[in-house]
Amino acid sequence: MKKLLLIAACQATLTLAFAQKEGDVAVITKLKEEGLKNSQVMDHAFYLTDVSGPRLTASPGFMNAAQWAKSKFESWGMKNVQIESWGDFGKGWQQERCYVAMTKPYYVPFIAQSKAWTGSTP
C-alpha cells in the first residue's frame, strides 16, 4: 500500500512539473472571439456538401469542390494553388438514380444505394 501511494505521489509530482504555463489571456480571448463571431466554417461546409454534392474520387462533385477550394484559397491571397492528381484512378462517375424493388410474391420497394468505386453493370 505504501509503495502504491509513493508511486501515485511521484506521478502527481511529475505531472505538475511538466504542466504548461498559462497562455496570454488577451490572445486566447481574441482567438475565441474571432472563432465565434467571424467563423466561416458553416458557409464552407454548406458549399462543400450541399452545393458541390457527393464527392467520390474523380466525380463531377469532387471536381466542383476542388475548383471551389482552389478559388477560395486564391481569394485569400495564397499563391501557386494547384489541384494535383494523385495517381491513375480511371473515370469518375456519379449516380443519377437507383431503384430496387421486389416484385414476387408481392411488391416491396427498397431503399438502396450503389456502392462507391464499383464498376458498371455489363
PDB file of N, CA and C in Angstrom:
ATOM      1  N   MET A   1       0.831  -1.193   0.000  1.00  0.00           N
ATOM      2  CA  MET A   1       0.000   0.000   0.000  1.00  0.00           C
ATOM      3  C   MET A   1       0.871   1.250   0.000  1.00  0.00           C
ATOM      4  N   LYS A   2       1.956   1.231   0.825  1.00  0.00           N
ATOM      5  CA  LYS A   2       2.844   2.392   0.875  1.00  0.00           C
ATOM      6  C   LYS A   2       3.527   2.596  -0.476  1.00  0.00           C
ATOM      7  N   LYS A   3       3.853   1.478  -1.129  1.00  0.00           N
ATOM      8  CA  LYS A   3       4.511   1.557  -2.430  1.00  0.00           C
ATOM      9  C   LYS A   3       3.583   2.213  -3.455  1.00  0.00           C
ATOM     10  N   LEU A   4       2.301   1.849  -3.409  1.00  0.00           N
ATOM     11  CA  LEU A   4       1.318   2.405  -4.330  1.00  0.00           C
ATOM     12  C   LEU A   4       1.148   3.904  -4.106  1.00  0.00           C
ATOM     13  N   LEU A   5       1.099   4.321  -2.847  1.00  0.00           N
ATOM     14  CA  LEU A   5       0.983   5.747  -2.542  1.00  0.00           C
ATOM     15  C   LEU A   5       2.218   6.514  -3.000  1.00  0.00           C
ATOM     16  N   LEU A   6       3.401   5.925  -2.841  1.00  0.00           N
ATOM     17  CA  LEU A   6       4.642   6.563  -3.275  1.00  0.00           C
ATOM     18  C   LEU A   6       4.648   6.736  -4.796  1.00  0.00           C
ATOM     19  N   ILE A   7       4.211   5.717  -5.522  1.00  0.00           N
ATOM     20  CA  ILE A   7       4.150   5.805  -6.988  1.00  0.00           C
ATOM     21  C   ILE A   7       3.146   6.871  -7.419  1.00  0.00           C
ATOM     22  N   ALA A   8       1.987   6.921  -6.776  1.00  0.00           N
ATOM     23  CA  ALA A   8       0.970   7.918  -7.107  1.00  0.00           C
ATOM     24  C   ALA A   8       1.480   9.328  -6.832  1.00  0.00           C
ATOM     25  N   ALA A   9       2.193   9.515  -5.727  1.00  0.00           N
ATOM     26  CA  ALA A   9       2.752  10.829  -5.394  1.00  0.00           C
ATOM     27  C   ALA A   9       3.801  11.247  -6.420  1.00  0.00           C
ATOM     28  N   CYS A  10       4.631  10.308  -6.853  1.00  0.00           N
ATOM     29  CA  CYS A  10       5.650  10.611  -7.873  1.00  0.00           C
ATOM     30  C   CYS A  10       5.002  11.000  -9.194  1.00  0.00           C
ATOM     31  N   GLN A  11       3.961  10.292  -9.585  1.00  0.00           N
ATOM     32  CA  GLN A  11       3.280  10.608 -10.836  1.00  0.00           C
ATOM     33  C   GLN A  11       2.620  11.980 -10.770  1.00  0.00           C
ATOM     34  N   ALA A  12       2.010  12.303  -9.642  1.00  0.00           N
ATOM     35  CA  ALA A  12       1.380  13.614  -9.487  1.00  0.00           C
ATOM     36  C   ALA A  12       2.420  14.720  -9.556  1.00  0.00           C
ATOM     37  N   THR A  13       3.571  14.506  -8.929  1.00  0.00           N
ATOM     38  CA  THR A  13       4.651  15.496  -8.953  1.00  0.00           C
ATOM     39  C   THR A  13       5.164  15.696 -10.373  1.00  0.00           C
ATOM     40  N   LEU A  14       5.364  14.606 -11.104  1.00  0.00           N
ATOM     41  CA  LEU A  14       5.848  14.712 -12.481  1.00  0.00           C
ATOM     42  C   LEU A  14       4.830  15.408 -13.378  1.00  0.00           C
ATOM     43  N   THR A  15       3.564  15.132 -13.173  1.00  0.00           N
ATOM     44  CA  THR A  15       2.524  15.775 -13.972  1.00  0.00           C
ATOM     45  C   THR A  15       2.540  17.281 -13.756  1.00  0.00           C
ATOM     46  N   LEU A  16       2.660  17.707 -12.520  1.00  0.00           N
ATOM     47  CA  LEU A  16       2.696  19.135 -12.221  1.00  0.00           C
ATOM     48  C   LEU A  16       3.987  19.776 -12.711  1.00  0.00           C
ATOM     49  N   ALA A  17       5.070  19.044 -12.684  1.00  0.00           N
ATOM     50  CA  ALA A  17       6.358  19.592 -13.108  1.00  0.00           C
ATOM     51  C   ALA A  17       6.367  19.904 -14.597  1.00  0.00           C
ATOM     52  N   PHE A  18       5.633  19.137 -15.396  1.00  0.00           N
ATOM     53  CA  PHE A  18       5.619  19.347 -16.843  1.00  0.00           C
ATOM     54  C   PHE A  18       4.366  20.062 -17.330  1.00  0.00           C
ATOM     55  N   ALA A  19       3.607  20.651 -16.440  1.00  0.00           N
ATOM     56  CA  ALA A  19       2.400  21.364 -16.846  1.00  0.00           C
ATOM     57  C   ALA A  19       2.772  22.580 -17.681  1.00  0.00           C
ATOM     58  N   GLN A  20       1.902  22.923 -18.619  1.00  0.00           N
ATOM     59  CA  GLN A  20       2.168  24.077 -19.475  1.00  0.00           C
ATOM     60  C   GLN A  20       1.914  25.356 -18.697  1.00  0.00           C
ATOM     61  N   LYS A  21       2.679  26.382 -19.054  1.00  0.00           N
ATOM     62  CA  LYS A  21       2.442  27.663 -18.396  1.00  0.00           C
ATOM     63  C   LYS A  21       1.185  28.300 -18.970  1.00  0.00           C
ATOM     64  N   GLU A  22       0.598  29.171 -18.223  1.00  0.00           N
ATOM     65  CA  GLU A  22      -0.632  29.847 -18.616  1.00  0.00           C
ATOM     66  C   GLU A  22      -0.379  30.701 -19.850  1.00  0.00           C
ATOM     67  N   GLY A  23      -1.302  30.632 -20.826  1.00  0.00           N
ATOM     68  CA  GLY A  23      -1.172  31.398 -22.062  1.00  0.00           C
ATOM     69  C   GLY A  23      -1.569  32.850 -21.861  1.00  0.00           C
ATOM     70  N   ASP A  24      -1.309  33.641 -22.878  1.00  0.00           N
ATOM     71  CA  ASP A  24      -1.677  35.052 -22.866  1.00  0.00           C
ATOM     72  C   ASP A  24      -3.201  35.150 -22.976  1.00  0.00           C
ATOM     73  N   VAL A  25      -3.842  35.653 -21.935  1.00  0.00           N
ATOM     74  CA  VAL A  25      -5.299  35.699 -21.871  1.00  0.00           C
ATOM     75  C   VAL A  25      -5.876  36.568 -22.984  1.00  0.00           C
ATOM     76  N   ALA A  26      -5.218  37.660 -23.324  1.00  0.00           N
ATOM     77  CA  ALA A  26      -5.715  38.550 -24.376  1.00  0.00           C
ATOM     78  C   ALA A  26      -5.729  37.837 -25.730  1.00  0.00           C
ATOM     79  N   VAL A  27      -4.683  37.077 -26.012  1.00  0.00           N
ATOM     80  CA  VAL A  27      -4.607  36.348 -27.283  1.00  0.00           C
ATOM     81  C   VAL A  27      -5.676  35.260 -27.330  1.00  0.00           C
ATOM     82  N   ILE A  28      -5.841  34.538 -26.235  1.00  0.00           N
ATOM     83  CA  ILE A  28      -6.847  33.477 -26.176  1.00  0.00           C
ATOM     84  C   ILE A  28      -8.244  34.066 -26.356  1.00  0.00           C
ATOM     85  N   THR A  29      -8.509  35.184 -25.714  1.00  0.00           N
ATOM     86  CA  THR A  29      -9.805  35.849 -25.843  1.00  0.00           C
ATOM     87  C   THR A  29     -10.048  36.286 -27.278  1.00  0.00           C
ATOM     88  N   LYS A  30      -9.024  36.850 -27.912  1.00  0.00           N
ATOM     89  CA  LYS A  30      -9.147  37.301 -29.309  1.00  0.00           C
ATOM     90  C   LYS A  30      -9.420  36.116 -30.242  1.00  0.00           C
ATOM     91  N   LEU A  31      -8.731  34.985 -30.020  1.00  0.00           N
ATOM     92  CA  LEU A  31      -8.957  33.797 -30.841  1.00  0.00           C
ATOM     93  C   LEU A  31     -10.385  33.269 -30.681  1.00  0.00           C
ATOM     94  N   LYS A  32     -10.864  33.211 -29.444  1.00  0.00           N
ATOM     95  CA  LYS A  32     -12.231  32.749 -29.204  1.00  0.00           C
ATOM     96  C   LYS A  32     -13.244  33.677 -29.865  1.00  0.00           C
ATOM     97  N   GLU A  33     -13.029  34.975 -29.722  1.00  0.00           N
ATOM     98  CA  GLU A  33     -13.937  35.960 -30.309  1.00  0.00           C
ATOM     99  C   GLU A  33     -13.962  35.840 -31.835  1.00  0.00           C
ATOM    100  N   GLU A  34     -12.795  35.694 -32.430  1.00  0.00           N
ATOM    101  CA  GLU A  34     -12.709  35.545 -33.891  1.00  0.00           C
ATOM    102  C   GLU A  34     -13.445  34.287 -34.344  1.00  0.00           C
ATOM    103  N   GLY A  35     -13.252  33.195 -33.624  1.00  0.00           N
ATOM    104  CA  GLY A  35     -13.903  31.941 -33.987  1.00  0.00           C
ATOM    105  C   GLY A  35     -15.411  31.978 -33.824  1.00  0.00           C
ATOM    106  N   LEU A  36     -15.899  32.677 -32.823  1.00  0.00           N
ATOM    107  CA  LEU A  36     -17.334  32.714 -32.565  1.00  0.00           C
ATOM    108  C   LEU A  36     -18.070  33.761 -33.390  1.00  0.00           C
ATOM    109  N   LYS A  37     -17.427  34.899 -33.667  1.00  0.00           N
ATOM    110  CA  LYS A  37     -18.113  35.995 -34.353  1.00  0.00           C
ATOM    111  C   LYS A  37     -17.862  36.036 -35.858  1.00  0.00           C
ATOM    112  N   ASN A  38     -16.707  35.582 -36.310  1.00  0.00           N
ATOM    113  CA  ASN A  38     -16.365  35.713 -37.725  1.00  0.00           C
ATOM    114  C   ASN A  38     -16.109  34.373 -38.405  1.00  0.00           C
ATOM    115  N   SER A  39     -16.572  33.302 -37.827  1.00  0.00           N
ATOM    116  CA  SER A  39     -16.313  31.977 -38.389  1.00  0.00           C
ATOM    117  C   SER A  39     -17.023  31.802 -39.731  1.00  0.00           C
ATOM    118  N   GLN A  40     -16.324  31.192 -40.672  1.00  0.00           N
ATOM    119  CA  GLN A  40     -16.899  30.886 -41.980  1.00  0.00           C
ATOM    120  C   GLN A  40     -17.063  29.375 -42.159  1.00  0.00           C
ATOM    121  N   VAL A  41     -16.897  28.633 -41.088  1.00  0.00           N
ATOM    122  CA  VAL A  41     -16.929  27.171 -41.167  1.00  0.00           C
ATOM    123  C   VAL A  41     -18.252  26.671 -41.741  1.00  0.00           C
ATOM    124  N   MET A  42     -19.365  27.165 -41.266  1.00  0.00           N
ATOM    125  CA  MET A  42     -20.660  26.677 -41.736  1.00  0.00           C
ATOM    126  C   MET A  42     -20.895  27.030 -43.202  1.00  0.00           C
ATOM    127  N   ASP A  43     -20.450  28.216 -43.624  1.00  0.00           N
ATOM    128  CA  ASP A  43     -20.579  28.593 -45.037  1.00  0.00           C
ATOM    129  C   ASP A  43     -19.776  27.652 -45.924  1.00  0.00           C
ATOM    130  N   HIS A  44     -18.544  27.359 -45.505  1.00  0.00           N
ATOM    131  CA  HIS A  44     -17.688  26.466 -46.289  1.00  0.00           C
ATOM    132  C   HIS A  44     -18.249  25.043 -46.289  1.00  0.00           C
ATOM    133  N   ALA A  45     -18.702  24.577 -45.142  1.00  0.00           N
ATOM    134  CA  ALA A  45     -19.275  23.225 -45.060  1.00  0.00           C
ATOM    135  C   ALA A  45     -20.522  23.118 -45.937  1.00  0.00           C
ATOM    136  N   PHE A  46     -21.354  24.162 -45.936  1.00  0.00           N
ATOM    137  CA  PHE A  46     -22.549  24.176 -46.786  1.00  0.00           C
ATOM    138  C   PHE A  46     -22.165  24.070 -48.255  1.00  0.00           C
ATOM    139  N   TYR A  47     -21.186  24.846 -48.671  1.00  0.00           N
ATOM    140  CA  TYR A  47     -20.812  24.813 -50.078  1.00  0.00           C
ATOM    141  C   TYR A  47     -20.224  23.456 -50.460  1.00  0.00           C
ATOM    142  N   LEU A  48     -19.361  22.918 -49.606  1.00  0.00           N
ATOM    143  CA  LEU A  48     -18.702  21.653 -49.939  1.00  0.00           C
ATOM    144  C   LEU A  48     -19.648  20.455 -49.891  1.00  0.00           C
ATOM    145  N   THR A  49     -20.725  20.541 -49.114  1.00  0.00           N
ATOM    146  CA  THR A  49     -21.633  19.401 -49.006  1.00  0.00           C
ATOM    147  C   THR A  49     -22.894  19.596 -49.841  1.00  0.00           C
ATOM    148  N   ASP A  50     -23.636  20.651 -49.594  1.00  0.00           N
ATOM    149  CA  ASP A  50     -24.922  20.834 -50.259  1.00  0.00           C
ATOM    150  C   ASP A  50     -24.794  21.347 -51.691  1.00  0.00           C
ATOM    151  N   VAL A  51     -23.882  22.251 -51.941  1.00  0.00           N
ATOM    152  CA  VAL A  51     -23.748  22.823 -53.282  1.00  0.00           C
ATOM    153  C   VAL A  51     -22.969  21.890 -54.201  1.00  0.00           C
ATOM    154  N   SER A  52     -21.816  21.411 -53.751  1.00  0.00           N
ATOM    155  CA  SER A  52     -20.983  20.544 -54.594  1.00  0.00           C
ATOM    156  C   SER A  52     -21.565  19.148 -54.736  1.00  0.00           C
ATOM    157  N   GLY A  53     -22.284  18.679 -53.752  1.00  0.00           N
ATOM    158  CA  GLY A  53     -22.869  17.350 -53.817  1.00  0.00           C
ATOM    159  C   GLY A  53     -21.866  16.267 -53.460  1.00  0.00           C
ATOM    160  N   PRO A  54     -22.202  15.019 -53.784  1.00  0.00           N
ATOM    161  CA  PRO A  54     -21.307  13.901 -53.464  1.00  0.00           C
ATOM    162  C   PRO A  54     -19.948  14.086 -54.123  1.00  0.00           C
ATOM    163  N   ARG A  55     -18.890  13.710 -53.408  1.00  0.00           N
ATOM    164  CA  ARG A  55     -17.535  13.971 -53.903  1.00  0.00           C
ATOM    165  C   ARG A  55     -16.701  12.701 -53.977  1.00  0.00           C
ATOM    166  N   LEU A  56     -17.199  11.677 -54.637  1.00  0.00           N
ATOM    167  CA  LEU A  56     -16.377  10.499 -54.869  1.00  0.00           C
ATOM    168  C   LEU A  56     -15.209  10.880 -55.763  1.00  0.00           C
ATOM    169  N   THR A  57     -14.131  10.161 -55.657  1.00  0.00           N
ATOM    170  CA  THR A  57     -12.928  10.450 -56.425  1.00  0.00           C
ATOM    171  C   THR A  57     -13.244  10.548 -57.909  1.00  0.00           C
ATOM    172  N   ALA A  58     -12.774  11.622 -58.533  1.00  0.00           N
ATOM    173  CA  ALA A  58     -12.904  11.885 -59.967  1.00  0.00           C
ATOM    174  C   ALA A  58     -14.341  12.139 -60.412  1.00  0.00           C
ATOM    175  N   SER A  59     -15.261  12.318 -59.483  1.00  0.00           N
ATOM    176  CA  SER A  59     -16.645  12.601 -59.856  1.00  0.00           C
ATOM    177  C   SER A  59     -16.801  14.089 -60.157  1.00  0.00           C
ATOM    178  N   PRO A  60     -17.864  14.471 -60.840  1.00  0.00           N
ATOM    179  CA  PRO A  60     -18.100  15.897 -61.092  1.00  0.00           C
ATOM    180  C   PRO A  60     -18.203  16.703 -59.792  1.00  0.00           C
ATOM    181  N   GLY A  61     -18.816  16.133 -58.749  1.00  0.00           N
ATOM    182  CA  GLY A  61     -18.917  16.830 -57.467  1.00  0.00           C
ATOM    183  C   GLY A  61     -17.558  17.082 -56.846  1.00  0.00           C
ATOM    184  N   PHE A  62     -16.663  16.107 -56.955  1.00  0.00           N
ATOM    185  CA  PHE A  62     -15.300  16.271 -56.437  1.00  0.00           C
ATOM    186  C   PHE A  62     -14.585  17.405 -57.167  1.00  0.00           C
ATOM    187  N   MET A  63     -14.700  17.410 -58.487  1.00  0.00           N
ATOM    188  CA  MET A  63     -14.016  18.446 -59.266  1.00  0.00           C
ATOM    189  C   MET A  63     -14.587  19.831 -58.965  1.00  0.00           C
ATOM    190  N   ASN A  64     -15.904  19.929 -58.792  1.00  0.00           N
ATOM    191  CA  ASN A  64     -16.517  21.211 -58.427  1.00  0.00           C
ATOM    192  C   ASN A  64     -16.008  21.697 -57.076  1.00  0.00           C
ATOM    193  N   ALA A  65     -15.954  20.796 -56.093  1.00  0.00           N
ATOM    194  CA  ALA A  65     -15.482  21.164 -54.756  1.00  0.00           C
ATOM    195  C   ALA A  65     -14.009  21.551 -54.778  1.00  0.00           C
ATOM    196  N   ALA A  66     -13.191  20.816 -55.536  1.00  0.00           N
ATOM    197  CA  ALA A  66     -11.758  21.132 -55.624  1.00  0.00           C
ATOM    198  C   ALA A  66     -11.546  22.490 -56.278  1.00  0.00           C
ATOM    199  N   GLN A  67     -12.295  22.768 -57.329  1.00  0.00           N
ATOM    200  CA  GLN A  67     -12.177  24.057 -58.019  1.00  0.00           C
ATOM    201  C   GLN A  67     -12.615  25.194 -57.097  1.00  0.00           C
ATOM    202  N   TRP A  68     -13.689  24.973 -56.330  1.00  0.00           N
ATOM    203  CA  TRP A  68     -14.160  25.994 -55.395  1.00  0.00           C
ATOM    204  C   TRP A  68     -13.107  26.262 -54.316  1.00  0.00           C
ATOM    205  N   ALA A  69     -12.525  25.196 -53.766  1.00  0.00           N
ATOM    206  CA  ALA A  69     -11.499  25.355 -52.729  1.00  0.00           C
ATOM    207  C   ALA A  69     -10.287  26.097 -53.282  1.00  0.00           C
ATOM    208  N   LYS A  70      -9.886  25.778 -54.492  1.00  0.00           N
ATOM    209  CA  LYS A  70      -8.744  26.456 -55.126  1.00  0.00           C
ATOM    210  C   LYS A  70      -9.023  27.948 -55.259  1.00  0.00           C
ATOM    211  N   SER A  71     -10.194  28.293 -55.766  1.00  0.00           N
ATOM    212  CA  SER A  71     -10.516  29.719 -55.932  1.00  0.00           C
ATOM    213  C   SER A  71     -10.651  30.421 -54.585  1.00  0.00           C
ATOM    214  N   LYS A  72     -11.137  29.712 -53.570  1.00  0.00           N
ATOM    215  CA  LYS A  72     -11.258  30.309 -52.228  1.00  0.00           C
ATOM    216  C   LYS A  72      -9.878  30.609 -51.652  1.00  0.00           C
ATOM    217  N   PHE A  73      -8.933  29.658 -51.781  1.00  0.00           N
ATOM    218  CA  PHE A  73      -7.568  29.877 -51.305  1.00  0.00           C
ATOM    219  C   PHE A  73      -6.925  31.051 -52.033  1.00  0.00           C
ATOM    220  N   GLU A  74      -7.149  31.144 -53.342  1.00  0.00           N
ATOM    221  CA  GLU A  74      -6.579  32.257 -54.114  1.00  0.00           C
ATOM    222  C   GLU A  74      -7.185  33.587 -53.693  1.00  0.00           C
ATOM    223  N   SER A  75      -8.479  33.590 -53.353  1.00  0.00           N
ATOM    224  CA  SER A  75      -9.112  34.834 -52.901  1.00  0.00           C
ATOM    225  C   SER A  75      -8.567  35.289 -51.554  1.00  0.00           C
ATOM    226  N   TRP A  76      -8.004  34.367 -50.785  1.00  0.00           N
ATOM    227  CA  TRP A  76      -7.373  34.710 -49.510  1.00  0.00           C
ATOM    228  C   TRP A  76      -5.927  35.145 -49.686  1.00  0.00           C
ATOM    229  N   GLY A  77      -5.447  35.175 -50.933  1.00  0.00           N
ATOM    230  CA  GLY A  77      -4.096  35.645 -51.201  1.00  0.00           C
ATOM    231  C   GLY A  77      -3.041  34.561 -51.284  1.00  0.00           C
ATOM    232  N   MET A  78      -3.428  33.309 -51.269  1.00  0.00           N
ATOM    233  CA  MET A  78      -2.438  32.237 -51.387  1.00  0.00           C
ATOM    234  C   MET A  78      -1.954  32.154 -52.830  1.00  0.00           C
ATOM    235  N   LYS A  79      -0.681  31.886 -52.992  1.00  0.00           N
ATOM    236  CA  LYS A  79      -0.058  31.825 -54.315  1.00  0.00           C
ATOM    237  C   LYS A  79       0.186  30.375 -54.719  1.00  0.00           C
ATOM    238  N   ASN A  80       0.230  30.140 -56.025  1.00  0.00           N
ATOM    239  CA  ASN A  80       0.579  28.841 -56.596  1.00  0.00           C
ATOM    240  C   ASN A  80      -0.324  27.708 -56.079  1.00  0.00           C
ATOM    241  N   VAL A  81      -1.610  27.975 -55.983  1.00  0.00           N
ATOM    242  CA  VAL A  81      -2.570  26.955 -55.549  1.00  0.00           C
ATOM    243  C   VAL A  81      -2.848  26.039 -56.737  1.00  0.00           C
ATOM    244  N   GLN A  82      -2.748  24.733 -56.518  1.00  0.00           N
ATOM    245  CA  GLN A  82      -2.914  23.773 -57.609  1.00  0.00           C
ATOM    246  C   GLN A  82      -3.808  22.619 -57.179  1.00  0.00           C
ATOM    247  N   ILE A  83      -4.512  22.077 -58.146  1.00  0.00           N
ATOM    248  CA  ILE A  83      -5.237  20.823 -57.938  1.00  0.00           C
ATOM    249  C   ILE A  83      -4.362  19.746 -58.547  1.00  0.00           C
ATOM    250  N   GLU A  84      -3.832  18.884 -57.708  1.00  0.00           N
ATOM    251  CA  GLU A  84      -2.872  17.884 -58.175  1.00  0.00           C
ATOM    252  C   GLU A  84      -3.523  16.514 -58.294  1.00  0.00           C
ATOM    253  N   SER A  85      -3.105  15.784 -59.316  1.00  0.00           N
ATOM    254  CA  SER A  85      -3.578  14.409 -59.443  1.00  0.00           C
ATOM    255  C   SER A  85      -2.734  13.538 -58.514  1.00  0.00           C
ATOM    256  N   TRP A  86      -3.281  12.430 -58.096  1.00  0.00           N
ATOM    257  CA  TRP A  86      -2.553  11.583 -57.153  1.00  0.00           C
ATOM    258  C   TRP A  86      -2.409  10.156 -57.651  1.00  0.00           C
ATOM    259  N   GLY A  87      -2.609   9.959 -58.925  1.00  0.00           N
ATOM    260  CA  GLY A  87      -2.425   8.626 -59.484  1.00  0.00           C
ATOM    261  C   GLY A  87      -3.479   8.323 -60.519  1.00  0.00           C
ATOM    262  N   ASP A  88      -3.322   7.191 -61.186  1.00  0.00           N
ATOM    263  CA  ASP A  88      -4.268   6.787 -62.206  1.00  0.00           C
ATOM    264  C   ASP A  88      -5.471   6.147 -61.533  1.00  0.00           C
ATOM    265  N   PHE A  89      -6.574   6.846 -61.523  1.00  0.00           N
ATOM    266  CA  PHE A  89      -7.773   6.329 -60.870  1.00  0.00           C
ATOM    267  C   PHE A  89      -8.773   5.789 -61.881  1.00  0.00           C
ATOM    268  N   GLY A  90      -8.745   6.309 -63.073  1.00  0.00           N
ATOM    269  CA  GLY A  90      -9.745   5.919 -64.062  1.00  0.00           C
ATOM    270  C   GLY A  90     -10.824   6.979 -64.151  1.00  0.00           C
ATOM    271  N   LYS A  91     -11.922   6.620 -64.746  1.00  0.00           N
ATOM    272  CA  LYS A  91     -13.017   7.574 -64.923  1.00  0.00           C
ATOM    273  C   LYS A  91     -13.853   7.664 -63.656  1.00  0.00           C
ATOM    274  N   GLY A  92     -14.321   8.858 -63.383  1.00  0.00           N
ATOM    275  CA  GLY A  92     -15.230   9.054 -62.265  1.00  0.00           C
ATOM    276  C   GLY A  92     -16.671   8.946 -62.742  1.00  0.00           C
ATOM    277  N   TRP A  93     -17.572   8.697 -61.839  1.00  0.00           N
ATOM    278  CA  TRP A  93     -18.976   8.615 -62.197  1.00  0.00           C
ATOM    279  C   TRP A  93     -19.818   9.166 -61.067  1.00  0.00           C
ATOM    280  N   GLN A  94     -21.054   9.449 -61.392  1.00  0.00           N
ATOM    281  CA  GLN A  94     -21.981   9.981 -60.408  1.00  0.00           C
ATOM    282  C   GLN A  94     -23.306   9.247 -60.561  1.00  0.00           C
ATOM    283  N   GLN A  95     -23.839   8.783 -59.474  1.00  0.00           N
ATOM    284  CA  GLN A  95     -25.119   8.073 -59.511  1.00  0.00           C
ATOM    285  C   GLN A  95     -26.237   9.063 -59.793  1.00  0.00           C
ATOM    286  N   GLU A  96     -27.046   8.755 -60.784  1.00  0.00           N
ATOM    287  CA  GLU A  96     -28.184   9.616 -61.094  1.00  0.00           C
ATOM    288  C   GLU A  96     -29.453   9.114 -60.419  1.00  0.00           C
ATOM    289  N   ARG A  97     -29.634   7.797 -60.427  1.00  0.00           N
ATOM    290  CA  ARG A  97     -30.783   7.225 -59.730  1.00  0.00           C
ATOM    291  C   ARG A  97     -30.516   5.749 -59.453  1.00  0.00           C
ATOM    292  N   CYS A  98     -31.186   5.249 -58.453  1.00  0.00           N
ATOM    293  CA  CYS A  98     -31.068   3.835 -58.103  1.00  0.00           C
ATOM    294  C   CYS A  98     -32.427   3.397 -57.561  1.00  0.00           C
ATOM    295  N   TYR A  99     -32.963   2.351 -58.142  1.00  0.00           N
ATOM    296  CA  TYR A  99     -34.270   1.878 -57.712  1.00  0.00           C
ATOM    297  C   TYR A  99     -34.243   0.360 -57.619  1.00  0.00           C
ATOM    298  N   VAL A 100     -34.650  -0.180 -56.484  1.00  0.00           N
ATOM    299  CA  VAL A 100     -34.685  -1.623 -56.274  1.00  0.00           C
ATOM    300  C   VAL A 100     -36.041  -1.977 -55.665  1.00  0.00           C
ATOM    301  N   ALA A 101     -36.658  -3.004 -56.211  1.00  0.00           N
ATOM    302  CA  ALA A 101     -37.942  -3.455 -55.670  1.00  0.00           C
ATOM    303  C   ALA A 101     -38.070  -4.960 -55.846  1.00  0.00           C
ATOM    304  N   MET A 102     -38.731  -5.569 -54.891  1.00  0.00           N
ATOM    305  CA  MET A 102     -39.073  -6.987 -55.005  1.00  0.00           C
ATOM    306  C   MET A 102     -40.472  -7.047 -55.620  1.00  0.00           C
ATOM    307  N   THR A 103     -40.648  -7.880 -56.628  1.00  0.00           N
ATOM    308  CA  THR A 103     -41.949  -7.938 -57.296  1.00  0.00           C
ATOM    309  C   THR A 103     -42.729  -9.221 -57.026  1.00  0.00           C
ATOM    310  N   LYS A 104     -42.065 -10.246 -56.572  1.00  0.00           N
ATOM    311  CA  LYS A 104     -42.733 -11.521 -56.296  1.00  0.00           C
ATOM    312  C   LYS A 104     -42.371 -11.995 -54.901  1.00  0.00           C
ATOM    313  N   PRO A 105     -43.174 -12.551 -54.120  1.00  0.00           N
ATOM    314  CA  PRO A 105     -44.580 -12.848 -54.311  1.00  0.00           C
ATOM    315  C   PRO A 105     -45.470 -11.619 -54.159  1.00  0.00           C
ATOM    316  N   TYR A 106     -44.932 -10.518 -53.656  1.00  0.00           N
ATOM    317  CA  TYR A 106     -45.681  -9.268 -53.580  1.00  0.00           C
ATOM    318  C   TYR A 106     -44.682  -8.127 -53.766  1.00  0.00           C
ATOM    319  N   TYR A 107     -45.175  -6.955 -54.053  1.00  0.00           N
ATOM    320  CA  TYR A 107     -44.322  -5.809 -54.365  1.00  0.00           C
ATOM    321  C   TYR A 107     -43.823  -5.134 -53.081  1.00  0.00           C
ATOM    322  N   VAL A 108     -42.502  -4.927 -52.986  1.00  0.00           N
ATOM    323  CA  VAL A 108     -41.899  -4.197 -51.864  1.00  0.00           C
ATOM    324  C   VAL A 108     -40.752  -3.347 -52.409  1.00  0.00           C
ATOM    325  N   PRO A 109     -40.845  -2.016 -52.288  1.00  0.00           N
ATOM    326  CA  PRO A 109     -39.710  -1.180 -52.708  1.00  0.00           C
ATOM    327  C   PRO A 109     -38.637  -1.161 -51.615  1.00  0.00           C
ATOM    328  N   PHE A 110     -37.382  -1.055 -52.017  1.00  0.00           N
ATOM    329  CA  PHE A 110     -36.264  -0.995 -51.082  1.00  0.00           C
ATOM    330  C   PHE A 110     -35.541   0.333 -51.217  1.00  0.00           C
ATOM    331  N   ILE A 111     -34.958   0.781 -50.131  1.00  0.00           N
ATOM    332  CA  ILE A 111     -34.054   1.926 -50.180  1.00  0.00           C
ATOM    333  C   ILE A 111     -32.677   1.364 -50.491  1.00  0.00           C
ATOM    334  N   ALA A 112     -32.054   1.828 -51.561  1.00  0.00           N
ATOM    335  CA  ALA A 112     -30.773   1.258 -51.979  1.00  0.00           C
ATOM    336  C   ALA A 112     -29.856   2.344 -52.530  1.00  0.00           C
ATOM    337  N   GLN A 113     -28.583   2.119 -52.396  1.00  0.00           N
ATOM    338  CA  GLN A 113     -27.554   2.985 -52.978  1.00  0.00           C
ATOM    339  C   GLN A 113     -26.491   2.093 -53.580  1.00  0.00           C
ATOM    340  N   SER A 114     -25.923   2.521 -54.685  1.00  0.00           N
ATOM    341  CA  SER A 114     -24.830   1.739 -55.255  1.00  0.00           C
ATOM    342  C   SER A 114     -23.568   1.969 -54.432  1.00  0.00           C
ATOM    343  N   LYS A 115     -22.738   0.960 -54.359  1.00  0.00           N
ATOM    344  CA  LYS A 115     -21.515   1.025 -53.570  1.00  0.00           C
ATOM    345  C   LYS A 115     -20.476   1.882 -54.290  1.00  0.00           C
ATOM    346  N   ALA A 116     -19.779   2.698 -53.531  1.00  0.00           N
ATOM    347  CA  ALA A 116     -18.757   3.574 -54.109  1.00  0.00           C
ATOM    348  C   ALA A 116     -17.643   2.762 -54.744  1.00  0.00           C
ATOM    349  N   TRP A 117     -17.090   3.289 -55.822  1.00  0.00           N
ATOM    350  CA  TRP A 117     -15.946   2.720 -56.545  1.00  0.00           C
ATOM    351  C   TRP A 117     -16.231   1.330 -57.110  1.00  0.00           C
ATOM    352  N   THR A 118     -17.482   1.072 -57.488  1.00  0.00           N
ATOM    353  CA  THR A 118     -17.795  -0.197 -58.136  1.00  0.00           C
ATOM    354  C   THR A 118     -17.887   0.007 -59.640  1.00  0.00           C
ATOM    355  N   GLY A 119     -17.714  -1.059 -60.365  1.00  0.00           N
ATOM    356  CA  GLY A 119     -17.799  -0.994 -61.819  1.00  0.00           C
ATOM    357  C   GLY A 119     -19.236  -0.921 -62.288  1.00  0.00           C
ATOM    358  N   SER A 120     -19.399  -0.677 -63.564  1.00  0.00           N
ATOM    359  CA  SER A 120     -20.743  -0.601 -64.128  1.00  0.00           C
ATOM    360  C   SER A 120     -21.283  -2.007 -64.364  1.00  0.00           C
ATOM    361  N   THR A 121     -22.569  -2.079 -64.634  1.00  0.00           N
ATOM    362  CA  THR A 121     -23.165  -3.367 -64.970  1.00  0.00           C
ATOM    363  C   THR A 121     -22.893  -3.657 -66.441  1.00  0.00           C
ATOM    364  N   PRO A 122     -22.781  -4.931 -66.808  1.00  0.00           N
ATOM    365  CA  PRO A 122     -22.488  -5.260 -68.211  1.00  0.00           C
ATOM    366  C   PRO A 122     -23.649  -4.955 -69.132  1.00  0.00           C
TER     367      PRO A 122
END
